[in-house]
ModelCIF file with pLDDT and N, C-alpha, C, O atoms, coordinates in Angstrom:
data_MODEL
#
_entry.id   MODEL 
#
_entity.id                         1 
_entity.type                       polymer 
_entity.pdbx_number_of_molecules   1 
#
_entity_poly.entity_id                      1 
_entity_poly.type                           'polypeptide(L)' 
_entity_poly.nstd_linkage                   no 
_entity_poly.nstd_monomer                   no 
_entity_poly.pdbx_seq_one_letter_code       LAHFDMVRLYAHSWAKGSDALGVPVILKTDKTAQEKPARNTVAEVY 
_entity_poly.pdbx_seq_one_letter_code_can   LAHFDMVRLYAHSWAKGSDALGVPVILKTDKTAQEKPARNTVAEVY 
_entity_poly.pdbx_strand_id                 A 
#
loop_
_entity_poly_seq.entity_id 
_entity_poly_seq.num 
_entity_poly_seq.mon_id 
_entity_poly_seq.hetero 
1 1  LEU n 
1 2  ALA n 
1 3  HIS n 
1 4  PHE n 
1 5  ASP n 
1 6  MET n 
1 7  VAL n 
1 8  ARG n 
1 9  LEU n 
1 10 TYR n 
1 11 ALA n 
1 12 HIS n 
1 13 SER n 
1 14 TRP n 
1 15 ALA n 
1 16 LYS n 
1 17 GLY n 
1 18 SER n 
1 19 ASP n 
1 20 ALA n 
1 21 LEU n 
1 22 GLY n 
1 23 VAL n 
1 24 PRO n 
1 25 VAL n 
1 26 ILE n 
1 27 LEU n 
1 28 LYS n 
1 29 THR n 
1 30 ASP n 
1 31 LYS n 
1 32 THR n 
1 33 ALA n 
1 34 GLN n 
1 35 GLU n 
1 36 LYS n 
1 37 PRO n 
1 38 ALA n 
1 39 ARG n 
1 40 ASN n 
1 41 THR n 
1 42 VAL n 
1 43 ALA n 
1 44 GLU n 
1 45 VAL n 
1 46 TYR n 
#
_struct_asym.id          A 
_struct_asym.entity_id   1 
#
loop_
_ma_qa_metric.id 
_ma_qa_metric.mode 
_ma_qa_metric.name 
_ma_qa_metric.software_group_id 
_ma_qa_metric.type 
1 global pLDDT . pLDDT 
2 local  pLDDT . pLDDT 
#
_ma_qa_metric_global.metric_id      1 
_ma_qa_metric_global.metric_value   93.52 
_ma_qa_metric_global.model_id       1 
_ma_qa_metric_global.ordinal_id     1 
#
loop_
_ma_qa_metric_local.label_asym_id 
_ma_qa_metric_local.label_comp_id 
_ma_qa_metric_local.label_seq_id 
_ma_qa_metric_local.metric_id 
_ma_qa_metric_local.metric_value 
_ma_qa_metric_local.model_id 
_ma_qa_metric_local.ordinal_id 
A LEU 1  2 98.00 1 1  
A ALA 2  2 98.00 1 2  
A HIS 3  2 98.00 1 3  
A PHE 4  2 99.00 1 4  
A ASP 5  2 98.00 1 5  
A MET 6  2 98.00 1 6  
A VAL 7  2 98.00 1 7  
A ARG 8  2 98.00 1 8  
A LEU 9  2 98.00 1 9  
A TYR 10 2 98.00 1 10 
A ALA 11 2 98.00 1 11 
A HIS 12 2 98.00 1 12 
A SER 13 2 98.00 1 13 
A TRP 14 2 98.00 1 14 
A ALA 15 2 96.00 1 15 
A LYS 16 2 96.00 1 16 
A GLY 17 2 95.00 1 17 
A SER 18 2 97.00 1 18 
A ASP 19 2 97.00 1 19 
A ALA 20 2 97.00 1 20 
A LEU 21 2 98.00 1 21 
A GLY 22 2 98.00 1 22 
A VAL 23 2 98.00 1 23 
A PRO 24 2 98.00 1 24 
A VAL 25 2 98.00 1 25 
A ILE 26 2 97.00 1 26 
A LEU 27 2 97.00 1 27 
A LYS 28 2 92.00 1 28 
A THR 29 2 84.00 1 29 
A ASP 30 2 77.00 1 30 
A LYS 31 2 68.00 1 31 
A THR 32 2 66.00 1 32 
A ALA 33 2 62.00 1 33 
A GLN 34 2 71.00 1 34 
A GLU 35 2 80.00 1 35 
A LYS 36 2 91.00 1 36 
A PRO 37 2 95.00 1 37 
A ALA 38 2 97.00 1 38 
A ARG 39 2 98.00 1 39 
A ASN 40 2 98.00 1 40 
A THR 41 2 98.00 1 41 
A VAL 42 2 98.00 1 42 
A ALA 43 2 98.00 1 43 
A GLU 44 2 98.00 1 44 
A VAL 45 2 98.00 1 45 
A TYR 46 2 98.00 1 46 
#
loop_
_atom_site.group_PDB 
_atom_site.id 
_atom_site.type_symbol 
_atom_site.label_atom_id 
_atom_site.label_alt_id 
_atom_site.label_comp_id 
_atom_site.label_asym_id 
_atom_site.label_entity_id 
_atom_site.label_seq_id 
_atom_site.pdbx_PDB_ins_code 
_atom_site.Cartn_x 
_atom_site.Cartn_y 
_atom_site.Cartn_z 
_atom_site.occupancy 
_atom_site.B_iso_or_equiv 
_atom_site.pdbx_formal_charge 
_atom_site.auth_seq_id 
_atom_site.auth_comp_id 
_atom_site.auth_asym_id 
_atom_site.auth_atom_id 
_atom_site.pdbx_PDB_model_num 
ATOM 1   N N  . LEU A 1 1  ? -105.392 -125.330 83.639 1.00 98.00 ? 1  LEU A N  1 
ATOM 2   C CA . LEU A 1 1  ? -104.979 -125.742 84.976 1.00 98.00 ? 1  LEU A CA 1 
ATOM 3   C C  . LEU A 1 1  ? -104.507 -127.188 84.979 1.00 98.00 ? 1  LEU A C  1 
ATOM 4   O O  . LEU A 1 1  ? -103.493 -127.506 85.600 1.00 98.00 ? 1  LEU A O  1 
ATOM 5   N N  . ALA A 1 2  ? -105.231 -128.069 84.291 1.00 98.00 ? 2  ALA A N  1 
ATOM 6   C CA . ALA A 1 2  ? -104.852 -129.483 84.253 1.00 98.00 ? 2  ALA A CA 1 
ATOM 7   C C  . ALA A 1 2  ? -103.509 -129.675 83.562 1.00 98.00 ? 2  ALA A C  1 
ATOM 8   O O  . ALA A 1 2  ? -102.637 -130.369 84.085 1.00 98.00 ? 2  ALA A O  1 
ATOM 9   N N  . HIS A 1 3  ? -103.332 -129.069 82.393 1.00 98.00 ? 3  HIS A N  1 
ATOM 10  C CA . HIS A 1 3  ? -102.056 -129.185 81.693 1.00 98.00 ? 3  HIS A CA 1 
ATOM 11  C C  . HIS A 1 3  ? -100.910 -128.599 82.540 1.00 98.00 ? 3  HIS A C  1 
ATOM 12  O O  . HIS A 1 3  ? -99.823  -129.172 82.607 1.00 98.00 ? 3  HIS A O  1 
ATOM 13  N N  . PHE A 1 4  ? -101.168 -127.466 83.174 1.00 99.00 ? 4  PHE A N  1 
ATOM 14  C CA . PHE A 1 4  ? -100.129 -126.789 83.951 1.00 99.00 ? 4  PHE A CA 1 
ATOM 15  C C  . PHE A 1 4  ? -99.707  -127.615 85.161 1.00 99.00 ? 4  PHE A C  1 
ATOM 16  O O  . PHE A 1 4  ? -98.514  -127.778 85.417 1.00 99.00 ? 4  PHE A O  1 
ATOM 17  N N  . ASP A 1 5  ? -100.682 -128.137 85.907 1.00 98.00 ? 5  ASP A N  1 
ATOM 18  C CA . ASP A 1 5  ? -100.348 -128.935 87.078 1.00 98.00 ? 5  ASP A CA 1 
ATOM 19  C C  . ASP A 1 5  ? -99.595  -130.203 86.684 1.00 98.00 ? 5  ASP A C  1 
ATOM 20  O O  . ASP A 1 5  ? -98.680  -130.624 87.391 1.00 98.00 ? 5  ASP A O  1 
ATOM 21  N N  . MET A 1 6  ? -99.970  -130.809 85.571 1.00 98.00 ? 6  MET A N  1 
ATOM 22  C CA . MET A 1 6  ? -99.278  -132.025 85.156 1.00 98.00 ? 6  MET A CA 1 
ATOM 23  C C  . MET A 1 6  ? -97.867  -131.745 84.658 1.00 98.00 ? 6  MET A C  1 
ATOM 24  O O  . MET A 1 6  ? -96.952  -132.520 84.938 1.00 98.00 ? 6  MET A O  1 
ATOM 25  N N  . VAL A 1 7  ? -97.673  -130.652 83.925 1.00 98.00 ? 7  VAL A N  1 
ATOM 26  C CA . VAL A 1 7  ? -96.320  -130.366 83.441 1.00 98.00 ? 7  VAL A CA 1 
ATOM 27  C C  . VAL A 1 7  ? -95.410  -129.978 84.609 1.00 98.00 ? 7  VAL A C  1 
ATOM 28  O O  . VAL A 1 7  ? -94.205  -130.221 84.557 1.00 98.00 ? 7  VAL A O  1 
ATOM 29  N N  . ARG A 1 8  ? -95.972  -129.380 85.655 1.00 98.00 ? 8  ARG A N  1 
ATOM 30  C CA . ARG A 1 8  ? -95.163  -129.084 86.839 1.00 98.00 ? 8  ARG A CA 1 
ATOM 31  C C  . ARG A 1 8  ? -94.726  -130.365 87.535 1.00 98.00 ? 8  ARG A C  1 
ATOM 32  O O  . ARG A 1 8  ? -93.616  -130.440 88.063 1.00 98.00 ? 8  ARG A O  1 
ATOM 33  N N  . LEU A 1 9  ? -95.583  -131.361 87.539 1.00 98.00 ? 9  LEU A N  1 
ATOM 34  C CA . LEU A 1 9  ? -95.342  -132.575 88.303 1.00 98.00 ? 9  LEU A CA 1 
ATOM 35  C C  . LEU A 1 9  ? -94.512  -133.602 87.546 1.00 98.00 ? 9  LEU A C  1 
ATOM 36  O O  . LEU A 1 9  ? -93.602  -134.206 88.114 1.00 98.00 ? 9  LEU A O  1 
ATOM 37  N N  . TYR A 1 10 ? -94.820  -133.803 86.265 1.00 98.00 ? 10 TYR A N  1 
ATOM 38  C CA . TYR A 1 10 ? -94.204  -134.885 85.500 1.00 98.00 ? 10 TYR A CA 1 
ATOM 39  C C  . TYR A 1 10 ? -93.073  -134.426 84.577 1.00 98.00 ? 10 TYR A C  1 
ATOM 40  O O  . TYR A 1 10 ? -92.548  -135.231 83.809 1.00 98.00 ? 10 TYR A O  1 
ATOM 41  N N  . ALA A 1 11 ? -92.694  -133.161 84.637 1.00 98.00 ? 11 ALA A N  1 
ATOM 42  C CA . ALA A 1 11 ? -91.618  -132.657 83.774 1.00 98.00 ? 11 ALA A CA 1 
ATOM 43  C C  . ALA A 1 11 ? -90.707  -131.742 84.572 1.00 98.00 ? 11 ALA A C  1 
ATOM 44  O O  . ALA A 1 11 ? -91.099  -131.222 85.616 1.00 98.00 ? 11 ALA A O  1 
ATOM 45  N N  . HIS A 1 12 ? -89.511  -131.550 84.087 1.00 98.00 ? 12 HIS A N  1 
ATOM 46  C CA . HIS A 1 12 ? -88.595  -130.599 84.709 1.00 98.00 ? 12 HIS A CA 1 
ATOM 47  C C  . HIS A 1 12 ? -89.032  -129.176 84.379 1.00 98.00 ? 12 HIS A C  1 
ATOM 48  O O  . HIS A 1 12 ? -89.814  -128.952 83.455 1.00 98.00 ? 12 HIS A O  1 
ATOM 49  N N  . SER A 1 13 ? -88.527  -128.238 85.133 1.00 98.00 ? 13 SER A N  1 
ATOM 50  C CA . SER A 1 13 ? -89.003  -126.861 85.052 1.00 98.00 ? 13 SER A CA 1 
ATOM 51  C C  . SER A 1 13 ? -88.544  -126.171 83.779 1.00 98.00 ? 13 SER A C  1 
ATOM 52  O O  . SER A 1 13 ? -87.622  -126.622 83.098 1.00 98.00 ? 13 SER A O  1 
ATOM 53  N N  . TRP A 1 14 ? -89.212  -125.067 83.479 1.00 98.00 ? 14 TRP A N  1 
ATOM 54  C CA . TRP A 1 14 ? -88.824  -124.209 82.368 1.00 98.00 ? 14 TRP A CA 1 
ATOM 55  C C  . TRP A 1 14 ? -87.371  -123.778 82.507 1.00 98.00 ? 14 TRP A C  1 
ATOM 56  O O  . TRP A 1 14 ? -86.637  -123.741 81.519 1.00 98.00 ? 14 TRP A O  1 
ATOM 57  N N  . ALA A 1 15 ? -86.949  -123.451 83.730 1.00 96.00 ? 15 ALA A N  1 
ATOM 58  C CA . ALA A 1 15 ? -85.591  -122.976 83.954 1.00 96.00 ? 15 ALA A CA 1 
ATOM 59  C C  . ALA A 1 15 ? -84.552  -124.036 83.611 1.00 96.00 ? 15 ALA A C  1 
ATOM 60  O O  . ALA A 1 15 ? -83.449  -123.705 83.176 1.00 96.00 ? 15 ALA A O  1 
ATOM 61  N N  . LYS A 1 16 ? -84.893  -125.297 83.801 1.00 96.00 ? 16 LYS A N  1 
ATOM 62  C CA . LYS A 1 16 ? -83.943  -126.365 83.512 1.00 96.00 ? 16 LYS A CA 1 
ATOM 63  C C  . LYS A 1 16 ? -83.817  -126.613 82.020 1.00 96.00 ? 16 LYS A C  1 
ATOM 64  O O  . LYS A 1 16 ? -82.779  -127.091 81.562 1.00 96.00 ? 16 LYS A O  1 
ATOM 65  N N  . GLY A 1 17 ? -84.860  -126.296 81.247 1.00 95.00 ? 17 GLY A N  1 
ATOM 66  C CA . GLY A 1 17 ? -84.797  -126.468 79.801 1.00 95.00 ? 17 GLY A CA 1 
ATOM 67  C C  . GLY A 1 17 ? -86.181  -126.587 79.201 1.00 95.00 ? 17 GLY A C  1 
ATOM 68  O O  . GLY A 1 17 ? -86.852  -127.606 79.362 1.00 95.00 ? 17 GLY A O  1 
ATOM 69  N N  . SER A 1 18 ? -86.612  -125.532 78.501 1.00 97.00 ? 18 SER A N  1 
ATOM 70  C CA . SER A 1 18 ? -87.974  -125.523 77.956 1.00 97.00 ? 18 SER A CA 1 
ATOM 71  C C  . SER A 1 18 ? -88.141  -126.467 76.778 1.00 97.00 ? 18 SER A C  1 
ATOM 72  O O  . SER A 1 18 ? -89.267  -126.736 76.360 1.00 97.00 ? 18 SER A O  1 
ATOM 73  N N  . ASP A 1 19 ? -87.029  -126.978 76.231 1.00 97.00 ? 19 ASP A N  1 
ATOM 74  C CA . ASP A 1 19 ? -87.118  -127.921 75.115 1.00 97.00 ? 19 ASP A CA 1 
ATOM 75  C C  . ASP A 1 19 ? -87.184  -129.369 75.587 1.00 97.00 ? 19 ASP A C  1 
ATOM 76  O O  . ASP A 1 19 ? -87.240  -130.287 74.768 1.00 97.00 ? 19 ASP A O  1 
ATOM 77  N N  . ALA A 1 20 ? -87.177  -129.579 76.900 1.00 97.00 ? 20 ALA A N  1 
ATOM 78  C CA . ALA A 1 20 ? -87.291  -130.928 77.453 1.00 97.00 ? 20 ALA A CA 1 
ATOM 79  C C  . ALA A 1 20 ? -88.724  -131.437 77.295 1.00 97.00 ? 20 ALA A C  1 
ATOM 80  O O  . ALA A 1 20 ? -89.634  -130.667 76.984 1.00 97.00 ? 20 ALA A O  1 
ATOM 81  N N  . LEU A 1 21 ? -88.915  -132.740 77.513 1.00 98.00 ? 21 LEU A N  1 
ATOM 82  C CA . LEU A 1 21 ? -90.235  -133.340 77.373 1.00 98.00 ? 21 LEU A CA 1 
ATOM 83  C C  . LEU A 1 21 ? -91.167  -132.890 78.495 1.00 98.00 ? 21 LEU A C  1 
ATOM 84  O O  . LEU A 1 21 ? -90.799  -132.904 79.670 1.00 98.00 ? 21 LEU A O  1 
ATOM 85  N N  . GLY A 1 22 ? -92.389  -132.487 78.107 1.00 98.00 ? 22 GLY A N  1 
ATOM 86  C CA . GLY A 1 22 ? -93.406  -132.112 79.071 1.00 98.00 ? 22 GLY A CA 1 
ATOM 87  C C  . GLY A 1 22 ? -94.463  -133.193 79.172 1.00 98.00 ? 22 GLY A C  1 
ATOM 88  O O  . GLY A 1 22 ? -94.145  -134.333 79.510 1.00 98.00 ? 22 GLY A O  1 
ATOM 89  N N  . VAL A 1 23 ? -95.693  -132.867 78.890 1.00 98.00 ? 23 VAL A N  1 
ATOM 90  C CA . VAL A 1 23 ? -96.804  -133.826 78.853 1.00 98.00 ? 23 VAL A CA 1 
ATOM 91  C C  . VAL A 1 23 ? -97.543  -133.638 77.534 1.00 98.00 ? 23 VAL A C  1 
ATOM 92  O O  . VAL A 1 23 ? -97.404  -132.589 76.905 1.00 98.00 ? 23 VAL A O  1 
ATOM 93  N N  . PRO A 1 24 ? -98.328  -134.627 77.095 1.00 98.00 ? 24 PRO A N  1 
ATOM 94  C CA . PRO A 1 24 ? -99.095  -134.448 75.860 1.00 98.00 ? 24 PRO A CA 1 
ATOM 95  C C  . PRO A 1 24 ? -100.113 -133.317 75.985 1.00 98.00 ? 24 PRO A C  1 
ATOM 96  O O  . PRO A 1 24 ? -100.825 -133.221 76.984 1.00 98.00 ? 24 PRO A O  1 
ATOM 97  N N  . VAL A 1 25 ? -100.175 -132.479 74.983 1.00 98.00 ? 25 VAL A N  1 
ATOM 98  C CA . VAL A 1 25 ? -101.203 -131.441 74.901 1.00 98.00 ? 25 VAL A CA 1 
ATOM 99  C C  . VAL A 1 25 ? -102.381 -132.026 74.131 1.00 98.00 ? 25 VAL A C  1 
ATOM 100 O O  . VAL A 1 25 ? -102.250 -132.405 72.968 1.00 98.00 ? 25 VAL A O  1 
ATOM 101 N N  . ILE A 1 26 ? -103.529 -132.093 74.793 1.00 97.00 ? 26 ILE A N  1 
ATOM 102 C CA . ILE A 1 26 ? -104.717 -132.699 74.191 1.00 97.00 ? 26 ILE A CA 1 
ATOM 103 C C  . ILE A 1 26 ? -105.795 -131.634 74.048 1.00 97.00 ? 26 ILE A C  1 
ATOM 104 O O  . ILE A 1 26 ? -106.294 -131.111 75.044 1.00 97.00 ? 26 ILE A O  1 
ATOM 105 N N  . LEU A 1 27 ? -106.151 -131.314 72.806 1.00 97.00 ? 27 LEU A N  1 
ATOM 106 C CA . LEU A 1 27 ? -107.123 -130.257 72.524 1.00 97.00 ? 27 LEU A CA 1 
ATOM 107 C C  . LEU A 1 27 ? -108.421 -130.805 71.954 1.00 97.00 ? 27 LEU A C  1 
ATOM 108 O O  . LEU A 1 27 ? -109.369 -130.053 71.727 1.00 97.00 ? 27 LEU A O  1 
ATOM 109 N N  . LYS A 1 28 ? -108.467 -132.085 71.728 1.00 92.00 ? 28 LYS A N  1 
ATOM 110 C CA . LYS A 1 28 ? -109.675 -132.702 71.179 1.00 92.00 ? 28 LYS A CA 1 
ATOM 111 C C  . LYS A 1 28 ? -109.742 -134.134 71.687 1.00 92.00 ? 28 LYS A C  1 
ATOM 112 O O  . LYS A 1 28 ? -108.758 -134.871 71.623 1.00 92.00 ? 28 LYS A O  1 
ATOM 113 N N  . THR A 1 29 ? -110.904 -134.522 72.192 1.00 84.00 ? 29 THR A N  1 
ATOM 114 C CA . THR A 1 29 ? -111.071 -135.864 72.701 1.00 84.00 ? 29 THR A CA 1 
ATOM 115 C C  . THR A 1 29 ? -111.153 -136.854 71.552 1.00 84.00 ? 29 THR A C  1 
ATOM 116 O O  . THR A 1 29 ? -111.938 -136.676 70.620 1.00 84.00 ? 29 THR A O  1 
ATOM 117 N N  . ASP A 1 30 ? -110.341 -137.893 71.623 1.00 77.00 ? 30 ASP A N  1 
ATOM 118 C CA . ASP A 1 30 ? -110.319 -138.923 70.579 1.00 77.00 ? 30 ASP A CA 1 
ATOM 119 C C  . ASP A 1 30 ? -111.434 -139.927 70.848 1.00 77.00 ? 30 ASP A C  1 
ATOM 120 O O  . ASP A 1 30 ? -111.297 -140.800 71.705 1.00 77.00 ? 30 ASP A O  1 
ATOM 121 N N  . LYS A 1 31 ? -112.524 -139.803 70.123 1.00 68.00 ? 31 LYS A N  1 
ATOM 122 C CA . LYS A 1 31 ? -113.690 -140.655 70.370 1.00 68.00 ? 31 LYS A CA 1 
ATOM 123 C C  . LYS A 1 31 ? -113.501 -142.081 69.858 1.00 68.00 ? 31 LYS A C  1 
ATOM 124 O O  . LYS A 1 31 ? -114.303 -142.962 70.170 1.00 68.00 ? 31 LYS A O  1 
ATOM 125 N N  . THR A 1 32 ? -112.456 -142.312 69.082 1.00 66.00 ? 32 THR A N  1 
ATOM 126 C CA . THR A 1 32 ? -112.184 -143.670 68.608 1.00 66.00 ? 32 THR A CA 1 
ATOM 127 C C  . THR A 1 32 ? -111.298 -144.430 69.581 1.00 66.00 ? 32 THR A C  1 
ATOM 128 O O  . THR A 1 32 ? -111.083 -145.631 69.417 1.00 66.00 ? 32 THR A O  1 
ATOM 129 N N  . ALA A 1 33 ? -110.786 -143.749 70.580 1.00 62.00 ? 33 ALA A N  1 
ATOM 130 C CA . ALA A 1 33 ? -109.927 -144.353 71.601 1.00 62.00 ? 33 ALA A CA 1 
ATOM 131 C C  . ALA A 1 33 ? -108.685 -144.976 70.991 1.00 62.00 ? 33 ALA A C  1 
ATOM 132 O O  . ALA A 1 33 ? -108.169 -145.966 71.510 1.00 62.00 ? 33 ALA A O  1 
ATOM 133 N N  . GLN A 1 34 ? -108.204 -144.414 69.909 1.00 71.00 ? 34 GLN A N  1 
ATOM 134 C CA . GLN A 1 34 ? -107.022 -144.959 69.249 1.00 71.00 ? 34 GLN A CA 1 
ATOM 135 C C  . GLN A 1 34 ? -105.798 -144.061 69.386 1.00 71.00 ? 34 GLN A C  1 
ATOM 136 O O  . GLN A 1 34 ? -104.685 -144.490 69.082 1.00 71.00 ? 34 GLN A O  1 
ATOM 137 N N  . GLU A 1 35 ? -105.981 -142.839 69.834 1.00 80.00 ? 35 GLU A N  1 
ATOM 138 C CA . GLU A 1 35 ? -104.873 -141.904 69.875 1.00 80.00 ? 35 GLU A CA 1 
ATOM 139 C C  . GLU A 1 35 ? -103.850 -142.308 70.930 1.00 80.00 ? 35 GLU A C  1 
ATOM 140 O O  . GLU A 1 35 ? -104.206 -142.652 72.057 1.00 80.00 ? 35 GLU A O  1 
ATOM 141 N N  . LYS A 1 36 ? -102.585 -142.262 70.551 1.00 91.00 ? 36 LYS A N  1 
ATOM 142 C CA . LYS A 1 36 ? -101.494 -142.524 71.474 1.00 91.00 ? 36 LYS A CA 1 
ATOM 143 C C  . LYS A 1 36 ? -100.514 -141.345 71.382 1.00 91.00 ? 36 LYS A C  1 
ATOM 144 O O  . LYS A 1 36 ? -99.491  -141.428 70.702 1.00 91.00 ? 36 LYS A O  1 
ATOM 145 N N  . PRO A 1 37 ? -100.840 -140.265 72.067 1.00 95.00 ? 37 PRO A N  1 
ATOM 146 C CA . PRO A 1 37 ? -100.060 -139.039 71.896 1.00 95.00 ? 37 PRO A CA 1 
ATOM 147 C C  . PRO A 1 37 ? -98.670  -139.127 72.515 1.00 95.00 ? 37 PRO A C  1 
ATOM 148 O O  . PRO A 1 37 ? -98.480  -139.754 73.557 1.00 95.00 ? 37 PRO A O  1 
ATOM 149 N N  . ALA A 1 38 ? -97.719  -138.504 71.874 1.00 97.00 ? 38 ALA A N  1 
ATOM 150 C CA . ALA A 1 38 ? -96.387  -138.358 72.436 1.00 97.00 ? 38 ALA A CA 1 
ATOM 151 C C  . ALA A 1 38 ? -96.355  -137.132 73.342 1.00 97.00 ? 38 ALA A C  1 
ATOM 152 O O  . ALA A 1 38 ? -97.292  -136.333 73.347 1.00 97.00 ? 38 ALA A O  1 
ATOM 153 N N  . ARG A 1 39 ? -95.295  -136.990 74.094 1.00 98.00 ? 39 ARG A N  1 
ATOM 154 C CA . ARG A 1 39 ? -95.149  -135.850 74.990 1.00 98.00 ? 39 ARG A CA 1 
ATOM 155 C C  . ARG A 1 39 ? -94.736  -134.609 74.192 1.00 98.00 ? 39 ARG A C  1 
ATOM 156 O O  . ARG A 1 39 ? -93.803  -134.663 73.391 1.00 98.00 ? 39 ARG A O  1 
ATOM 157 N N  . ASN A 1 40 ? -95.425  -133.513 74.413 1.00 98.00 ? 40 ASN A N  1 
ATOM 158 C CA . ASN A 1 40 ? -94.984  -132.232 73.879 1.00 98.00 ? 40 ASN A CA 1 
ATOM 159 C C  . ASN A 1 40 ? -93.838  -131.704 74.726 1.00 98.00 ? 40 ASN A C  1 
ATOM 160 O O  . ASN A 1 40 ? -93.605  -132.187 75.834 1.00 98.00 ? 40 ASN A O  1 
ATOM 161 N N  . THR A 1 41 ? -93.131  -130.727 74.212 1.00 98.00 ? 41 THR A N  1 
ATOM 162 C CA . THR A 1 41 ? -92.068  -130.117 75.012 1.00 98.00 ? 41 THR A CA 1 
ATOM 163 C C  . THR A 1 41 ? -92.674  -129.236 76.103 1.00 98.00 ? 41 THR A C  1 
ATOM 164 O O  . THR A 1 41 ? -93.844  -128.860 76.040 1.00 98.00 ? 41 THR A O  1 
ATOM 165 N N  . VAL A 1 42 ? -91.856  -128.917 77.100 1.00 98.00 ? 42 VAL A N  1 
ATOM 166 C CA . VAL A 1 42 ? -92.289  -128.013 78.155 1.00 98.00 ? 42 VAL A CA 1 
ATOM 167 C C  . VAL A 1 42 ? -92.744  -126.685 77.558 1.00 98.00 ? 42 VAL A C  1 
ATOM 168 O O  . VAL A 1 42 ? -93.764  -126.135 77.973 1.00 98.00 ? 42 VAL A O  1 
ATOM 169 N N  . ALA A 1 43 ? -91.994  -126.170 76.590 1.00 98.00 ? 43 ALA A N  1 
ATOM 170 C CA . ALA A 1 43 ? -92.348  -124.891 75.960 1.00 98.00 ? 43 ALA A CA 1 
ATOM 171 C C  . ALA A 1 43 ? -93.694  -124.983 75.258 1.00 98.00 ? 43 ALA A C  1 
ATOM 172 O O  . ALA A 1 43 ? -94.495  -124.052 75.339 1.00 98.00 ? 43 ALA A O  1 
ATOM 173 N N  . GLU A 1 44 ? -93.953  -126.082 74.573 1.00 98.00 ? 44 GLU A N  1 
ATOM 174 C CA . GLU A 1 44 ? -95.232  -126.240 73.864 1.00 98.00 ? 44 GLU A CA 1 
ATOM 175 C C  . GLU A 1 44 ? -96.398  -126.316 74.845 1.00 98.00 ? 44 GLU A C  1 
ATOM 176 O O  . GLU A 1 44 ? -97.473  -125.780 74.575 1.00 98.00 ? 44 GLU A O  1 
ATOM 177 N N  . VAL A 1 45 ? -96.193  -126.974 75.975 1.00 98.00 ? 45 VAL A N  1 
ATOM 178 C CA . VAL A 1 45 ? -97.258  -127.041 76.979 1.00 98.00 ? 45 VAL A CA 1 
ATOM 179 C C  . VAL A 1 45 ? -97.546  -125.648 77.526 1.00 98.00 ? 45 VAL A C  1 
ATOM 180 O O  . VAL A 1 45 ? -98.708  -125.255 77.629 1.00 98.00 ? 45 VAL A O  1 
ATOM 181 N N  . TYR A 1 46 ? -96.514  -124.902 77.873 1.00 98.00 ? 46 TYR A N  1 
ATOM 182 C CA . TYR A 1 46 ? -96.699  -123.553 78.403 1.00 98.00 ? 46 TYR A CA 1 
ATOM 183 C C  . TYR A 1 46 ? -97.369  -122.645 77.363 1.00 98.00 ? 46 TYR A C  1 
ATOM 184 O O  . TYR A 1 46 ? -97.605  -121.468 77.633 1.00 98.00 ? 46 TYR A O  1 
#
């Protein structure tokens, strides 16, 4: 739900282009606080 709501808000829609930039997909909390993730594509988020 969190990833979906953010990709809807901060990225263009699937219909406009699923290869466009979405939001970072985060599957593990970085306990060192050093991670600087790039944006995944809309398709990767979905």
